[in-house]
Amino acid sequence: MTDTVGSEFRRAMRTLASAVSIISTARGNKPFGMTATAVTSMSMEPPSLLVCINQSAGLHGPLLESRRFCVNILHGHQTDLANVFGSKQEKDRFAFGEWATDAHGVPYLVQAQANVICDVDDTHAYGTHTIVIGKVRRVHVRGSVNPLIYQDGRYTIGLGDGVDWVIPIAG
């Protein structure tokens, strides 16, 4: 890819608004998680979604080994959690927010807008990332729709319930 195509692609992707989630898993008793925007529904039959994980991310190996993960879809007011889990600093990310585990030990954020708990159904390595297809095992949805959105290098709040615009916020 030429430098021009790469820089123009990056510029184009900054115009694409994406919901912000924290992907979480556990290997043994140790939780792992990271902030992600590369999450999308895939199919209703069977219910499935896909996430794209950078192969250099600390979550990558544990997620592929455990074969289970949770997509924690963040509320608009959870920018602090998005920043903690998006940081490259080594710290106990799970000390922030209220976390619980399901029967299989998968950590999930209790205050998330929604939790989608999945089993890894398939993977495909591509470039620097691995596409992970998750077969949905369980879903929790809480409250009204008010997602945290990432666009143009910053967080915004998606005003749900029929409102189709966003307001920039600090973060």
C-alpha atoms as a PDB file:
ATOM      1  CA  MET A   1       0.000   0.000   0.000  1.00  0.00           C
ATOM      2  CA  THR A   2       1.362   3.397  -0.908  1.00  0.00           C
ATOM      3  CA  ASP A   3       1.814   6.081   1.726  1.00  0.00           C
ATOM      4  CA  THR A   4      -0.889   8.124  -0.001  1.00  0.00           C
ATOM      5  CA  VAL A   5      -3.438   5.302   0.097  1.00  0.00           C
ATOM      6  CA  GLY A   6      -2.580   4.552   3.735  1.00  0.00           C
ATOM      7  CA  SER A   7      -2.940   8.156   4.877  1.00  0.00           C
ATOM      8  CA  GLU A   8      -6.135   8.688   2.868  1.00  0.00           C
ATOM      9  CA  PHE A   9      -7.582   5.430   4.228  1.00  0.00           C
ATOM     10  CA  ARG A  10      -6.806   6.566   7.789  1.00  0.00           C
ATOM     11  CA  ARG A  11      -8.446   9.941   7.033  1.00  0.00           C
ATOM     12  CA  ALA A  12     -11.528   8.236   5.582  1.00  0.00           C
ATOM     13  CA  MET A  13     -11.881   5.911   8.600  1.00  0.00           C
ATOM     14  CA  ARG A  14     -11.870   8.935  10.935  1.00  0.00           C
ATOM     15  CA  THR A  15     -15.221   9.877   9.370  1.00  0.00           C
ATOM     16  CA  LEU A  16     -16.723   6.518  10.332  1.00  0.00           C
ATOM     17  CA  ALA A  17     -18.508   6.660  13.699  1.00  0.00           C
ATOM     18  CA  SER A  18     -18.247   3.462  15.764  1.00  0.00           C
ATOM     19  CA  ALA A  19     -19.719   2.333  19.058  1.00  0.00           C
ATOM     20  CA  VAL A  20     -17.116   1.854  21.791  1.00  0.00           C
ATOM     21  CA  SER A  21     -16.880  -1.469  23.616  1.00  0.00           C
ATOM     22  CA  ILE A  22     -14.544  -3.192  26.008  1.00  0.00           C
ATOM     23  CA  ILE A  23     -13.677  -6.720  24.932  1.00  0.00           C
ATOM     24  CA  SER A  24     -12.973  -8.916  27.957  1.00  0.00           C
ATOM     25  CA  THR A  25     -11.844 -12.477  28.564  1.00  0.00           C
ATOM     26  CA  ALA A  26      -9.948 -14.486  31.149  1.00  0.00           C
ATOM     27  CA  ARG A  27      -7.109 -16.961  30.992  1.00  0.00           C
ATOM     28  CA  GLY A  28      -7.025 -18.979  34.170  1.00  0.00           C
ATOM     29  CA  ASN A  29      -8.162 -16.562  36.840  1.00  0.00           C
ATOM     30  CA  LYS A  30      -6.574 -13.503  35.214  1.00  0.00           C
ATOM     31  CA  PRO A  31      -8.864 -11.065  33.353  1.00  0.00           C
ATOM     32  CA  PHE A  32      -7.794  -9.332  30.145  1.00  0.00           C
ATOM     33  CA  GLY A  33      -9.533  -6.495  28.338  1.00  0.00           C
ATOM     34  CA  MET A  34      -9.169  -3.721  25.800  1.00  0.00           C
ATOM     35  CA  THR A  35     -11.189  -0.907  24.285  1.00  0.00           C
ATOM     36  CA  ALA A  36     -12.404  -1.657  20.760  1.00  0.00           C
ATOM     37  CA  THR A  37     -14.428  -0.097  17.979  1.00  0.00           C
ATOM     38  CA  ALA A  38     -13.947  -2.913  15.455  1.00  0.00           C
ATOM     39  CA  VAL A  39     -17.062  -4.819  16.547  1.00  0.00           C
ATOM     40  CA  THR A  40     -20.098  -5.588  14.413  1.00  0.00           C
ATOM     41  CA  SER A  41     -23.063  -7.911  14.313  1.00  0.00           C
ATOM     42  CA  MET A  42     -22.631 -10.671  11.778  1.00  0.00           C
ATOM     43  CA  SER A  43     -25.688 -12.914  11.641  1.00  0.00           C
ATOM     44  CA  MET A  44     -28.977 -13.498  13.416  1.00  0.00           C
ATOM     45  CA  GLU A  45     -28.965 -17.218  12.494  1.00  0.00           C
ATOM     46  CA  PRO A  46     -26.945 -18.184  14.376  1.00  0.00           C
ATOM     47  CA  PRO A  47     -26.651 -15.041  16.520  1.00  0.00           C
ATOM     48  CA  SER A  48     -23.040 -13.989  16.018  1.00  0.00           C
ATOM     49  CA  LEU A  49     -20.739 -11.021  15.872  1.00  0.00           C
ATOM     50  CA  LEU A  50     -17.191 -10.327  14.884  1.00  0.00           C
ATOM     51  CA  VAL A  51     -14.396  -8.455  16.565  1.00  0.00           C
ATOM     52  CA  CYS A  52     -11.035  -7.534  15.118  1.00  0.00           C
ATOM     53  CA  ILE A  53      -8.118  -7.794  17.543  1.00  0.00           C
ATOM     54  CA  ASN A  54      -4.594  -6.575  16.840  1.00  0.00           C
ATOM     55  CA  GLN A  55      -2.238  -9.538  17.108  1.00  0.00           C
ATOM     56  CA  SER A  56       0.110  -7.469  19.287  1.00  0.00           C
ATOM     57  CA  ALA A  57      -2.629  -6.654  21.834  1.00  0.00           C
ATOM     58  CA  GLY A  58      -2.352  -8.233  25.277  1.00  0.00           C
ATOM     59  CA  LEU A  59      -5.902  -9.564  24.854  1.00  0.00           C
ATOM     60  CA  HIS A  60      -5.134 -11.472  21.644  1.00  0.00           C
ATOM     61  CA  GLY A  61      -3.502 -14.641  23.030  1.00  0.00           C
ATOM     62  CA  PRO A  62      -5.759 -15.026  26.083  1.00  0.00           C
ATOM     63  CA  LEU A  63      -8.927 -14.603  23.976  1.00  0.00           C
ATOM     64  CA  LEU A  64      -7.834 -17.212  21.445  1.00  0.00           C
ATOM     65  CA  GLU A  65      -6.761 -19.613  24.206  1.00  0.00           C
ATOM     66  CA  SER A  66      -9.877 -19.241  26.365  1.00  0.00           C
ATOM     67  CA  ARG A  67     -12.246 -19.404  23.358  1.00  0.00           C
ATOM     68  CA  ARG A  68     -14.721 -17.148  25.251  1.00  0.00           C
ATOM     69  CA  PHE A  69     -15.165 -13.387  25.450  1.00  0.00           C
ATOM     70  CA  CYS A  70     -17.595 -10.594  26.225  1.00  0.00           C
ATOM     71  CA  VAL A  71     -18.339  -7.456  24.250  1.00  0.00           C
ATOM     72  CA  ASN A  72     -19.244  -4.812  26.843  1.00  0.00           C
ATOM     73  CA  ILE A  73     -21.004  -2.008  24.946  1.00  0.00           C
ATOM     74  CA  LEU A  74     -20.331   1.247  26.778  1.00  0.00           C
ATOM     75  CA  HIS A  75     -22.783   3.981  27.807  1.00  0.00           C
ATOM     76  CA  GLY A  76     -22.077   7.530  26.697  1.00  0.00           C
ATOM     77  CA  HIS A  77     -20.827   8.506  30.163  1.00  0.00           C
ATOM     78  CA  GLN A  78     -18.173   5.742  30.350  1.00  0.00           C
ATOM     79  CA  THR A  79     -15.304   7.582  28.625  1.00  0.00           C
ATOM     80  CA  ASP A  80     -13.069   7.043  31.678  1.00  0.00           C
ATOM     81  CA  LEU A  81     -13.378   3.251  31.299  1.00  0.00           C
ATOM     82  CA  ALA A  82     -12.733   3.492  27.562  1.00  0.00           C
ATOM     83  CA  ASN A  83      -9.570   5.484  28.290  1.00  0.00           C
ATOM     84  CA  VAL A  84      -8.341   3.058  30.980  1.00  0.00           C
ATOM     85  CA  PHE A  85      -8.828  -0.007  28.767  1.00  0.00           C
ATOM     86  CA  GLY A  86      -7.414   1.812  25.732  1.00  0.00           C
ATOM     87  CA  SER A  87      -4.230   2.853  27.543  1.00  0.00           C
ATOM     88  CA  LYS A  88      -0.937   1.124  26.788  1.00  0.00           C
ATOM     89  CA  GLN A  89       0.079   1.525  30.446  1.00  0.00           C
ATOM     90  CA  GLU A  90       0.280  -1.665  32.454  1.00  0.00           C
ATOM     91  CA  LYS A  91      -2.163  -1.338  35.329  1.00  0.00           C
ATOM     92  CA  ASP A  92      -5.028  -3.265  36.833  1.00  0.00           C
ATOM     93  CA  ARG A  93      -7.694  -2.170  34.370  1.00  0.00           C
ATOM     94  CA  PHE A  94     -10.297  -4.285  36.152  1.00  0.00           C
ATOM     95  CA  ALA A  95      -9.905  -2.146  39.302  1.00  0.00           C
ATOM     96  CA  PHE A  96     -12.029   0.397  37.404  1.00  0.00           C
ATOM     97  CA  GLY A  97     -15.774  -0.181  37.078  1.00  0.00           C
ATOM     98  CA  GLU A  98     -17.862  -2.944  38.599  1.00  0.00           C
ATOM     99  CA  TRP A  99     -16.950  -6.321  37.103  1.00  0.00           C
ATOM    100  CA  ALA A 100     -18.512  -9.746  37.600  1.00  0.00           C
ATOM    101  CA  THR A 101     -17.850 -13.120  35.956  1.00  0.00           C
ATOM    102  CA  ASP A 102     -20.240 -15.531  34.302  1.00  0.00           C
ATOM    103  CA  ALA A 103     -20.374 -19.280  35.014  1.00  0.00           C
ATOM    104  CA  HIS A 104     -17.394 -19.812  32.655  1.00  0.00           C
ATOM    105  CA  GLY A 105     -15.226 -17.125  34.268  1.00  0.00           C
ATOM    106  CA  VAL A 106     -15.705 -14.517  31.531  1.00  0.00           C
ATOM    107  CA  PRO A 107     -15.558 -11.019  33.058  1.00  0.00           C
ATOM    108  CA  TYR A 108     -18.352  -8.602  32.185  1.00  0.00           C
ATOM    109  CA  LEU A 109     -18.943  -4.955  33.081  1.00  0.00           C
ATOM    110  CA  VAL A 110     -22.025  -4.777  35.294  1.00  0.00           C
ATOM    111  CA  GLN A 111     -22.801  -1.144  34.327  1.00  0.00           C
ATOM    112  CA  ALA A 112     -22.359  -1.611  30.567  1.00  0.00           C
ATOM    113  CA  GLN A 113     -25.180  -0.634  28.256  1.00  0.00           C
ATOM    114  CA  ALA A 114     -25.125  -4.236  27.047  1.00  0.00           C
ATOM    115  CA  ASN A 115     -23.001  -7.366  27.459  1.00  0.00           C
ATOM    116  CA  VAL A 116     -22.771  -9.879  24.640  1.00  0.00           C
ATOM    117  CA  ILE A 117     -21.065 -13.062  25.829  1.00  0.00           C
ATOM    118  CA  CYS A 118     -19.682 -15.271  23.078  1.00  0.00           C
ATOM    119  CA  ASP A 119     -17.819 -18.466  22.334  1.00  0.00           C
ATOM    120  CA  VAL A 120     -15.130 -18.203  19.662  1.00  0.00           C
ATOM    121  CA  ASP A 121     -16.616 -19.952  16.642  1.00  0.00           C
ATOM    122  CA  ASP A 122     -13.976 -19.128  14.020  1.00  0.00           C
ATOM    123  CA  THR A 123     -10.905 -16.958  13.479  1.00  0.00           C
ATOM    124  CA  HIS A 124      -9.150 -15.565  10.449  1.00  0.00           C
ATOM    125  CA  ALA A 125      -5.746 -13.852  10.527  1.00  0.00           C
ATOM    126  CA  TYR A 126      -5.513 -10.868   8.204  1.00  0.00           C
ATOM    127  CA  GLY A 127      -2.656  -8.372   8.136  1.00  0.00           C
ATOM    128  CA  THR A 128      -1.911  -7.182  11.671  1.00  0.00           C
ATOM    129  CA  HIS A 129      -5.251  -8.376  13.090  1.00  0.00           C
ATOM    130  CA  THR A 130      -7.275 -11.485  13.773  1.00  0.00           C
ATOM    131  CA  ILE A 131     -10.962 -11.485  12.878  1.00  0.00           C
ATOM    132  CA  VAL A 132     -12.767 -13.372  15.624  1.00  0.00           C
ATOM    133  CA  ILE A 133     -16.288 -14.647  14.984  1.00  0.00           C
ATOM    134  CA  GLY A 134     -18.203 -15.061  18.213  1.00  0.00           C
ATOM    135  CA  LYS A 135     -21.274 -17.232  18.547  1.00  0.00           C
ATOM    136  CA  VAL A 136     -23.529 -15.411  21.006  1.00  0.00           C
ATOM    137  CA  ARG A 137     -24.223 -17.416  24.139  1.00  0.00           C
ATOM    138  CA  ARG A 138     -25.846 -14.807  26.388  1.00  0.00           C
ATOM    139  CA  VAL A 139     -26.939 -11.152  26.238  1.00  0.00           C
ATOM    140  CA  HIS A 140     -27.700  -8.575  28.950  1.00  0.00           C
ATOM    141  CA  VAL A 141     -29.202  -5.198  27.958  1.00  0.00           C
ATOM    142  CA  ARG A 142     -29.680  -2.360  30.446  1.00  0.00           C
ATOM    143  CA  GLY A 143     -31.518   0.961  30.188  1.00  0.00           C
ATOM    144  CA  SER A 144     -32.119   3.199  27.238  1.00  0.00           C
ATOM    145  CA  VAL A 145     -29.856   3.367  24.197  1.00  0.00           C
ATOM    146  CA  ASN A 146     -27.143   5.957  24.829  1.00  0.00           C
ATOM    147  CA  PRO A 147     -23.880   4.582  23.374  1.00  0.00           C
ATOM    148  CA  LEU A 148     -20.384   5.962  23.599  1.00  0.00           C
ATOM    149  CA  ILE A 149     -19.269   6.704  20.023  1.00  0.00           C
ATOM    150  CA  TYR A 150     -15.761   7.226  18.643  1.00  0.00           C
ATOM    151  CA  GLN A 151     -15.305   9.405  15.575  1.00  0.00           C
ATOM    152  CA  ASP A 152     -12.579  11.661  14.230  1.00  0.00           C
ATOM    153  CA  GLY A 153     -10.208  10.804  17.081  1.00  0.00           C
ATOM    154  CA  ARG A 154     -12.589  11.651  19.931  1.00  0.00           C
ATOM    155  CA  TYR A 155     -15.514  10.311  21.923  1.00  0.00           C
ATOM    156  CA  THR A 156     -19.047  11.531  21.386  1.00  0.00           C
ATOM    157  CA  ILE A 157     -22.356  10.545  22.911  1.00  0.00           C
ATOM    158  CA  GLY A 158     -24.918   8.926  20.634  1.00  0.00           C
ATOM    159  CA  LEU A 159     -28.297  10.187  21.697  1.00  0.00           C
ATOM    160  CA  GLY A 160     -30.454   7.105  21.280  1.00  0.00           C
ATOM    161  CA  ASP A 161     -34.194   6.626  21.367  1.00  0.00           C
ATOM    162  CA  GLY A 162     -34.774   8.049  17.910  1.00  0.00           C
ATOM    163  CA  VAL A 163     -32.316  10.970  17.930  1.00  0.00           C
ATOM    164  CA  ASP A 164     -29.828  10.578  15.109  1.00  0.00           C
ATOM    165  CA  TRP A 165     -27.046  13.018  15.944  1.00  0.00           C
ATOM    166  CA  VAL A 166     -24.077  13.177  18.268  1.00  0.00           C
ATOM    167  CA  ILE A 167     -22.595  15.789  20.615  1.00  0.00           C
ATOM    168  CA  PRO A 168     -18.811  16.028  21.060  1.00  0.00           C
ATOM    169  CA  ILE A 169     -17.596  15.525  24.642  1.00  0.00           C
ATOM    170  CA  ALA A 170     -14.256  15.796  26.349  1.00  0.00           C
ATOM    171  CA  GLY A 171     -12.200  12.639  26.504  1.00  0.00           C
END
